[in-house]
Amino acid sequence: MATKPPTTEPHLERPGPAEFRDPLVRREMQKAAVWFGIGLAILAIITLGQPILLIIGGAIFAVFLDGGVRFLARYLPIPRAWRLLIVLVLGFGFIGWVFWFAGTTIGAQFEALRAVVTGQFNRLVDFAGSLGFMDGQSANWRSELLGGVGRLTSAVGSVIGAVASVIAMIVIGIFLASEPRLYDRGIAWMLPLRARGGFYRIAEHVGYTLRRLLFGRLVAMIFEGAFTWFMLTLGGVPMAGLLGLVTGVLAFIPNIGAITSGILMIAVGFSASPNLGIWCIVVYFLVHNIDAYVVVPYVARRTVDLAPAVLLAMQLLMAALFGILGVLFADPILATIKVVLVDVSHQQARKEAEGPEVVPGGT
């Protein structure tokens, strides 16, 4: 005989843990989803760091191209595709000329630069050993540092290993710069409707900031490279063209780039004579003081002011996680994070100033 199920009163029933209509369950599920998403993001950054950085590099290159396209729009009222083509032709034409100049004029000096740096380092270690600053482990110390110097000069002198990555970033950058609104709408489509207006505003502010930040970096690279080459040539320092080129390229990396180019410059100067070594020290301080007190403040006033200590810490962290690509992109990534946080905090402050939303008929 079948038993009758127990009767229940619906108004006394409470939602169970599988009932997502319960506000408490929905709130806890949202919290769990946020933490789970953060964990997945961290795991993706660790395991997919290099591809992510290539995408970031492509986006940074797209910002460069977009800045040139917007600049040409002031003087050439032609479709965006044609302006982008002009920017690409001019940019790659200049890069090709630089490589041709480096290959035909100073290409043979890379090996000489490595020999000079290695010789000067050995002299420094021997001098420190004569003063008693080096113990029995000086040989290991020397070999480790010389290995780092050798890797550095090899990276400066060779681009073969990075060709595939550069091509990938260039292709991504061209696609992004050709239709930036298309990709903005694609990202906004994945956001709730109430958040899309804020996303468009932040995206515009980030693009505005990065265009001026990268333009300032380009100005600093041209200034430091040309001025270094001119001053070293004026003083008769060997490999002035190569040192100017290296200084200009490394100027894209704040702090670390200046230190590296200064060490190379001073090492080459003292390899020739003490007077040229002192002249290289003067040139180094002159170039970077003008850059620090004229170029950088001018750029910072028009973009985002990044504290040097915070930027250096970001560079060290990105170098430890992602290597040379992390160091190259630490500056734009930090500027983007700061712009996003500032915009979000301003938006939150406006909401708090407006007060809580009043629902008609509510208590």
Protein backbone atom coordinates (compact mmCIF):
# COMPACT_ATOMS: atom_id res chain seq x y z
CA MET A 1 0.00 0.00 0.00
CA ALA A 2 1.51 3.30 -1.10
CA THR A 3 2.15 5.81 1.59
CA LYS A 4 0.99 9.36 1.19
CA PRO A 5 3.83 11.92 1.03
CA PRO A 6 4.01 14.24 3.99
CA THR A 7 2.18 17.50 3.51
CA THR A 8 4.18 20.69 3.66
CA GLU A 9 3.18 24.28 3.84
CA PRO A 10 4.80 26.27 0.97
CA HIS A 11 5.19 29.41 3.01
CA LEU A 12 7.36 27.52 5.52
CA GLU A 13 9.76 26.08 2.90
CA ARG A 14 13.22 27.68 2.61
CA PRO A 15 15.50 27.52 -0.50
CA GLY A 16 18.17 24.83 -0.43
CA PRO A 17 21.86 25.13 -1.43
CA ALA A 18 21.02 24.26 -5.04
CA GLU A 19 18.44 27.07 -5.34
CA PHE A 20 20.17 29.97 -7.11
CA ARG A 21 17.21 32.29 -6.60
CA ASP A 22 18.15 32.62 -2.98
CA PRO A 23 19.92 36.03 -2.60
CA LEU A 24 22.44 34.57 -0.17
CA VAL A 25 23.36 31.72 -2.51
CA ARG A 26 23.64 34.08 -5.48
CA ARG A 27 25.87 36.45 -3.52
CA GLU A 28 28.15 33.65 -2.38
CA MET A 29 28.31 32.21 -5.89
CA GLN A 30 29.34 35.61 -7.22
CA LYS A 31 32.11 35.83 -4.64
CA ALA A 32 33.31 32.33 -5.48
CA ALA A 33 33.24 33.12 -9.21
CA VAL A 34 35.36 36.24 -8.64
CA TRP A 35 38.00 34.35 -6.68
CA PHE A 36 37.94 31.49 -9.16
CA GLY A 37 38.37 33.96 -12.02
CA ILE A 38 41.30 35.63 -10.27
CA GLY A 39 42.95 32.23 -9.80
CA LEU A 40 42.46 31.37 -13.47
CA ALA A 41 43.86 34.76 -14.49
CA ILE A 42 46.99 34.23 -12.38
CA LEU A 43 47.43 30.74 -13.79
CA ALA A 44 46.99 32.05 -17.34
CA ILE A 45 49.57 34.80 -16.77
CA ILE A 46 52.10 32.29 -15.46
CA THR A 47 51.59 29.63 -18.12
CA LEU A 48 50.76 31.89 -21.08
CA GLY A 49 53.01 34.81 -20.19
CA GLN A 50 54.90 35.03 -23.48
CA PRO A 51 51.84 34.92 -25.79
CA ILE A 52 50.09 37.47 -23.59
CA LEU A 53 53.10 39.77 -23.79
CA LEU A 54 53.16 39.40 -27.58
CA ILE A 55 49.52 40.51 -27.66
CA ILE A 56 50.36 43.42 -25.36
CA GLY A 57 53.29 44.31 -27.62
CA GLY A 58 50.97 44.26 -30.62
CA ALA A 59 48.56 46.56 -28.80
CA ILE A 60 51.41 48.96 -27.96
CA PHE A 61 52.50 48.95 -31.59
CA ALA A 62 48.89 49.66 -32.55
CA VAL A 63 48.95 52.69 -30.24
CA PHE A 64 52.05 53.93 -32.09
CA LEU A 65 50.30 53.50 -35.43
CA ASP A 66 47.07 55.06 -34.18
CA GLY A 67 48.98 58.11 -32.98
CA GLY A 68 50.52 58.57 -36.42
CA VAL A 69 47.16 58.08 -38.13
CA ARG A 70 45.51 60.67 -35.88
CA PHE A 71 48.36 63.11 -36.51
CA LEU A 72 48.01 62.77 -40.29
CA ALA A 73 44.26 63.29 -39.98
CA ARG A 74 44.95 66.93 -39.09
CA TYR A 75 46.52 67.58 -42.47
CA LEU A 76 45.26 64.82 -44.80
CA PRO A 77 41.46 64.40 -44.99
CA ILE A 78 41.71 60.95 -46.55
CA PRO A 79 40.32 57.58 -45.37
CA ARG A 80 41.94 55.99 -42.34
CA ALA A 81 43.27 53.04 -44.33
CA TRP A 82 45.35 55.32 -46.54
CA ARG A 83 46.72 57.24 -43.57
CA LEU A 84 47.64 53.95 -41.91
CA LEU A 85 49.44 52.86 -45.07
CA ILE A 86 51.43 56.11 -45.13
CA VAL A 87 52.44 55.65 -41.47
CA LEU A 88 53.54 52.06 -42.14
CA VAL A 89 55.60 53.03 -45.20
CA LEU A 90 57.31 55.91 -43.37
CA GLY A 91 57.91 53.88 -40.20
CA PHE A 92 59.27 50.77 -41.85
CA GLY A 93 61.26 52.91 -44.27
CA PHE A 94 62.99 54.60 -41.36
CA ILE A 95 63.61 51.28 -39.58
CA GLY A 96 65.03 49.83 -42.80
CA TRP A 97 67.37 52.78 -43.16
CA VAL A 98 68.55 52.33 -39.57
CA PHE A 99 69.29 48.65 -40.14
CA TRP A 100 71.05 49.44 -43.40
CA PHE A 101 73.13 52.11 -41.67
CA ALA A 102 73.92 49.75 -38.78
CA GLY A 103 74.73 46.89 -41.11
CA THR A 104 76.98 48.81 -43.49
CA THR A 105 78.56 51.31 -41.15
CA ILE A 106 78.79 49.92 -37.63
CA GLY A 107 77.88 46.26 -37.96
CA ALA A 108 81.47 45.10 -37.47
CA GLN A 109 81.74 47.08 -34.24
CA PHE A 110 79.42 44.81 -32.23
CA GLU A 111 82.12 42.20 -31.70
CA ALA A 112 84.62 44.93 -30.88
CA LEU A 113 82.19 46.30 -28.30
CA ARG A 114 81.90 42.89 -26.66
CA ALA A 115 85.69 42.53 -26.50
CA VAL A 116 86.07 46.02 -25.02
CA VAL A 117 83.43 45.44 -22.33
CA THR A 118 84.90 42.07 -21.40
CA GLY A 119 88.43 43.49 -21.18
CA GLN A 120 87.35 46.45 -19.06
CA PHE A 121 85.42 44.17 -16.71
CA ASN A 122 88.47 41.94 -16.23
CA ARG A 123 90.55 44.99 -15.38
CA LEU A 124 87.97 46.14 -12.84
CA VAL A 125 87.85 42.72 -11.18
CA ASP A 126 91.64 42.52 -11.05
CA PHE A 127 91.83 45.99 -9.52
CA ALA A 128 89.24 45.05 -6.90
CA GLY A 129 91.18 41.86 -6.16
CA SER A 130 94.39 43.84 -5.65
CA LEU A 131 92.60 45.92 -3.01
CA GLY A 132 91.37 42.81 -1.22
CA PHE A 133 87.69 43.20 -2.05
CA MET A 134 87.44 39.88 -3.86
CA ASP A 135 87.78 36.51 -2.17
CA GLY A 136 88.51 33.08 -3.56
CA GLN A 137 85.17 32.97 -5.33
CA SER A 138 86.11 35.83 -7.63
CA ALA A 139 86.55 33.47 -10.58
CA ASN A 140 82.97 32.25 -10.29
CA TRP A 141 81.78 35.79 -9.76
CA ARG A 142 83.61 36.93 -12.85
CA SER A 143 82.36 34.12 -15.05
CA GLU A 144 78.74 34.66 -14.02
CA LEU A 145 78.82 38.41 -14.68
CA LEU A 146 80.74 38.01 -17.90
CA GLY A 147 78.12 35.51 -19.00
CA GLY A 148 75.48 38.14 -18.37
CA VAL A 149 77.48 40.75 -20.27
CA GLY A 150 77.97 38.34 -23.15
CA ARG A 151 74.26 37.63 -23.28
CA LEU A 152 73.52 41.34 -23.21
CA THR A 153 75.85 42.21 -26.07
CA SER A 154 74.60 39.21 -28.02
CA ALA A 155 71.02 40.40 -27.57
CA VAL A 156 72.02 43.86 -28.71
CA GLY A 157 73.88 42.59 -31.73
CA SER A 158 71.48 39.89 -32.91
CA VAL A 159 67.80 40.07 -33.82
CA ILE A 160 67.42 36.68 -35.46
CA GLY A 161 65.92 34.98 -32.40
CA ALA A 162 63.24 37.66 -32.03
CA VAL A 163 62.11 37.87 -35.66
CA ALA A 164 59.05 35.63 -35.21
CA SER A 165 57.89 37.52 -32.12
CA VAL A 166 58.39 40.88 -33.80
CA ILE A 167 56.42 39.77 -36.87
CA ALA A 168 53.59 38.54 -34.64
CA MET A 169 53.44 41.85 -32.77
CA ILE A 170 53.52 43.82 -36.02
CA VAL A 171 50.66 41.81 -37.53
CA ILE A 172 48.56 42.16 -34.37
CA GLY A 173 49.31 45.88 -34.20
CA ILE A 174 48.30 46.47 -37.84
CA PHE A 175 45.00 44.63 -37.38
CA LEU A 176 44.22 46.54 -34.19
CA ALA A 177 45.15 49.91 -35.69
CA SER A 178 43.11 49.32 -38.85
CA GLU A 179 39.77 48.99 -37.00
CA PRO A 180 40.20 50.01 -33.34
CA ARG A 181 36.47 50.64 -32.80
CA LEU A 182 35.65 47.13 -33.97
CA TYR A 183 37.77 45.55 -31.23
CA ASP A 184 36.52 48.03 -28.61
CA ARG A 185 32.93 47.06 -29.40
CA GLY A 186 33.88 43.39 -29.30
CA ILE A 187 35.26 43.69 -25.78
CA ALA A 188 32.37 45.89 -24.64
CA TRP A 189 29.89 43.32 -25.96
CA MET A 190 31.10 40.88 -23.29
CA LEU A 191 30.37 43.39 -20.51
CA PRO A 192 27.01 44.25 -18.91
CA LEU A 193 25.18 47.18 -20.49
CA ARG A 194 25.62 49.32 -17.39
CA ALA A 195 29.43 48.92 -17.59
CA ARG A 196 29.93 49.65 -21.28
CA GLY A 197 29.90 53.42 -20.98
CA GLY A 198 32.63 53.28 -18.34
CA PHE A 199 34.66 50.87 -20.47
CA TYR A 200 34.56 53.17 -23.51
CA ARG A 201 35.60 56.13 -21.36
CA ILE A 202 38.50 54.24 -19.76
CA ALA A 203 39.62 52.81 -23.13
CA GLU A 204 39.70 56.32 -24.62
CA HIS A 205 41.65 57.69 -21.65
CA VAL A 206 44.15 54.78 -21.77
CA GLY A 207 44.68 55.26 -25.50
CA TYR A 208 45.13 59.01 -25.06
CA THR A 209 47.69 58.49 -22.30
CA LEU A 210 49.65 55.75 -24.06
CA ARG A 211 49.85 57.70 -27.31
CA ARG A 212 51.53 60.59 -25.54
CA LEU A 213 53.65 58.37 -23.33
CA LEU A 214 55.02 56.44 -26.30
CA PHE A 215 55.48 59.62 -28.29
CA GLY A 216 57.55 60.95 -25.41
CA ARG A 217 59.59 57.75 -25.40
CA LEU A 218 60.19 58.14 -29.14
CA VAL A 219 61.33 61.74 -28.63
CA ALA A 220 63.68 60.61 -25.84
CA MET A 221 65.12 57.83 -28.03
CA ILE A 222 65.82 60.19 -30.93
CA PHE A 223 67.27 62.87 -28.67
CA GLU A 224 69.50 60.58 -26.60
CA GLY A 225 70.73 58.61 -29.60
CA ALA A 226 71.51 61.62 -31.79
CA PHE A 227 72.98 63.74 -29.00
CA THR A 228 75.13 60.88 -27.71
CA TRP A 229 76.45 60.16 -31.19
CA PHE A 230 77.22 63.86 -31.77
CA MET A 231 78.99 64.39 -28.44
CA LEU A 232 81.01 61.17 -28.66
CA THR A 233 82.04 61.97 -32.22
CA LEU A 234 83.02 65.46 -31.09
CA GLY A 235 85.25 63.96 -28.41
CA GLY A 236 86.78 61.34 -30.73
CA VAL A 237 85.40 58.32 -28.85
CA PRO A 238 85.62 55.03 -30.80
CA MET A 239 82.38 53.38 -31.96
CA ALA A 240 80.42 56.62 -31.50
CA GLY A 241 77.79 55.60 -34.04
CA LEU A 242 77.19 52.22 -32.40
CA LEU A 243 77.03 53.74 -28.91
CA GLY A 244 74.57 56.36 -30.12
CA LEU A 245 72.38 53.67 -31.67
CA VAL A 246 72.49 51.51 -28.54
CA THR A 247 71.74 54.52 -26.31
CA GLY A 248 68.77 55.50 -28.47
CA VAL A 249 67.32 51.98 -28.48
CA LEU A 250 67.80 51.48 -24.74
CA ALA A 251 66.17 54.86 -24.04
CA PHE A 252 62.83 53.09 -24.54
CA ILE A 253 63.48 51.32 -21.21
CA PRO A 254 63.53 53.93 -18.41
CA ASN A 255 66.10 53.57 -15.60
CA ILE A 256 67.61 50.24 -16.68
CA GLY A 257 68.28 51.37 -20.27
CA ALA A 258 70.12 54.50 -19.14
CA ILE A 259 72.33 52.56 -16.72
CA THR A 260 73.19 49.91 -19.32
CA SER A 261 74.04 52.40 -22.06
CA GLY A 262 76.12 54.44 -19.60
CA ILE A 263 78.19 51.42 -18.57
CA LEU A 264 78.88 50.51 -22.19
CA MET A 265 79.77 54.09 -23.09
CA ILE A 266 82.16 54.59 -20.18
CA ALA A 267 83.81 51.19 -20.73
CA VAL A 268 84.55 52.06 -24.36
CA GLY A 269 85.89 55.49 -23.37
CA PHE A 270 88.34 54.18 -20.79
CA SER A 271 89.46 51.44 -23.19
CA ALA A 272 90.85 54.19 -25.43
CA SER A 273 92.28 56.61 -22.83
CA PRO A 274 91.49 58.08 -19.41
CA ASN A 275 90.63 61.42 -20.99
CA LEU A 276 88.05 59.83 -23.29
CA GLY A 277 86.66 57.88 -20.33
CA ILE A 278 86.12 61.11 -18.41
CA TRP A 279 84.58 62.67 -21.52
CA CYS A 280 82.14 59.73 -21.75
CA ILE A 281 81.14 60.27 -18.11
CA VAL A 282 80.47 63.94 -18.86
CA VAL A 283 78.44 63.05 -21.96
CA TYR A 284 76.44 60.46 -20.04
CA PHE A 285 75.46 62.86 -17.26
CA LEU A 286 74.80 65.68 -19.71
CA VAL A 287 72.52 63.59 -21.93
CA HIS A 288 70.51 62.01 -19.14
CA ASN A 289 70.23 65.20 -17.07
CA ILE A 290 68.75 67.04 -20.06
CA ASP A 291 66.43 64.09 -20.62
CA ALA A 292 65.47 63.89 -16.93
CA TYR A 293 64.91 67.63 -16.38
CA VAL A 294 63.57 68.69 -19.80
CA VAL A 295 62.14 65.80 -21.85
CA VAL A 296 60.68 63.56 -19.13
CA PRO A 297 58.92 66.35 -17.14
CA TYR A 298 57.41 67.71 -20.35
CA VAL A 299 56.06 64.28 -21.25
CA ALA A 300 54.91 63.55 -17.68
CA ARG A 301 52.87 66.75 -17.51
CA ARG A 302 50.93 65.66 -20.58
CA THR A 303 50.54 61.97 -19.75
CA VAL A 304 50.78 60.10 -16.46
CA ASP A 305 53.49 60.76 -13.90
CA LEU A 306 55.07 57.47 -12.81
CA ALA A 307 57.18 57.45 -9.67
CA PRO A 308 60.73 56.24 -10.55
CA ALA A 309 60.86 53.81 -7.61
CA VAL A 310 57.50 52.26 -8.54
CA LEU A 311 58.54 51.99 -12.19
CA LEU A 312 61.85 50.35 -11.28
CA ALA A 313 60.08 47.87 -9.00
CA MET A 314 57.66 47.06 -11.84
CA GLN A 315 60.56 46.53 -14.23
CA LEU A 316 62.32 44.16 -11.82
CA LEU A 317 59.10 42.22 -11.25
CA MET A 318 58.32 41.94 -14.97
CA ALA A 319 61.92 40.94 -15.70
CA ALA A 320 61.74 38.15 -13.14
CA LEU A 321 58.44 36.89 -14.55
CA PHE A 322 58.76 37.40 -18.30
CA GLY A 323 62.35 38.37 -19.14
CA ILE A 324 63.30 41.07 -21.62
CA LEU A 325 59.76 41.48 -22.98
CA GLY A 326 58.53 42.20 -19.48
CA VAL A 327 61.13 44.94 -19.05
CA LEU A 328 60.24 46.49 -22.42
CA PHE A 329 56.52 46.69 -21.68
CA ALA A 330 56.65 47.45 -17.95
CA ASP A 331 56.29 51.20 -18.50
CA PRO A 332 53.13 51.10 -20.70
CA ILE A 333 51.56 48.37 -18.55
CA LEU A 334 52.12 50.36 -15.36
CA ALA A 335 50.75 53.52 -16.99
CA THR A 336 47.65 51.60 -18.13
CA ILE A 337 47.06 50.16 -14.64
CA LYS A 338 47.38 53.62 -13.08
CA VAL A 339 44.98 55.22 -15.57
CA VAL A 340 42.39 52.47 -15.03
CA LEU A 341 42.62 52.71 -11.23
CA VAL A 342 42.38 56.51 -11.28
CA ASP A 343 39.35 56.46 -13.59
CA VAL A 344 37.59 53.80 -11.54
CA SER A 345 38.25 55.68 -8.29
CA HIS A 346 36.93 58.92 -9.81
CA GLN A 347 33.81 57.13 -11.01
CA GLN A 348 33.27 55.63 -7.58
CA ALA A 349 33.79 59.03 -5.94
CA ARG A 350 31.15 60.57 -8.21
CA LYS A 351 28.69 57.83 -7.33
CA GLU A 352 29.27 58.37 -3.62
CA ALA A 353 28.88 62.14 -4.04
CA GLU A 354 25.55 61.68 -5.79
CA GLY A 355 24.31 59.57 -2.88
CA PRO A 356 22.31 56.36 -2.87
CA GLU A 357 19.71 55.90 -5.57
CA VAL A 358 16.19 56.61 -4.33
CA VAL A 359 13.57 54.13 -5.48
CA PRO A 360 10.14 55.69 -5.98
CA GLY A 361 7.68 54.34 -3.45
CA GLY A 362 10.43 52.77 -1.34
CA THR A 363 10.84 53.18 2.38
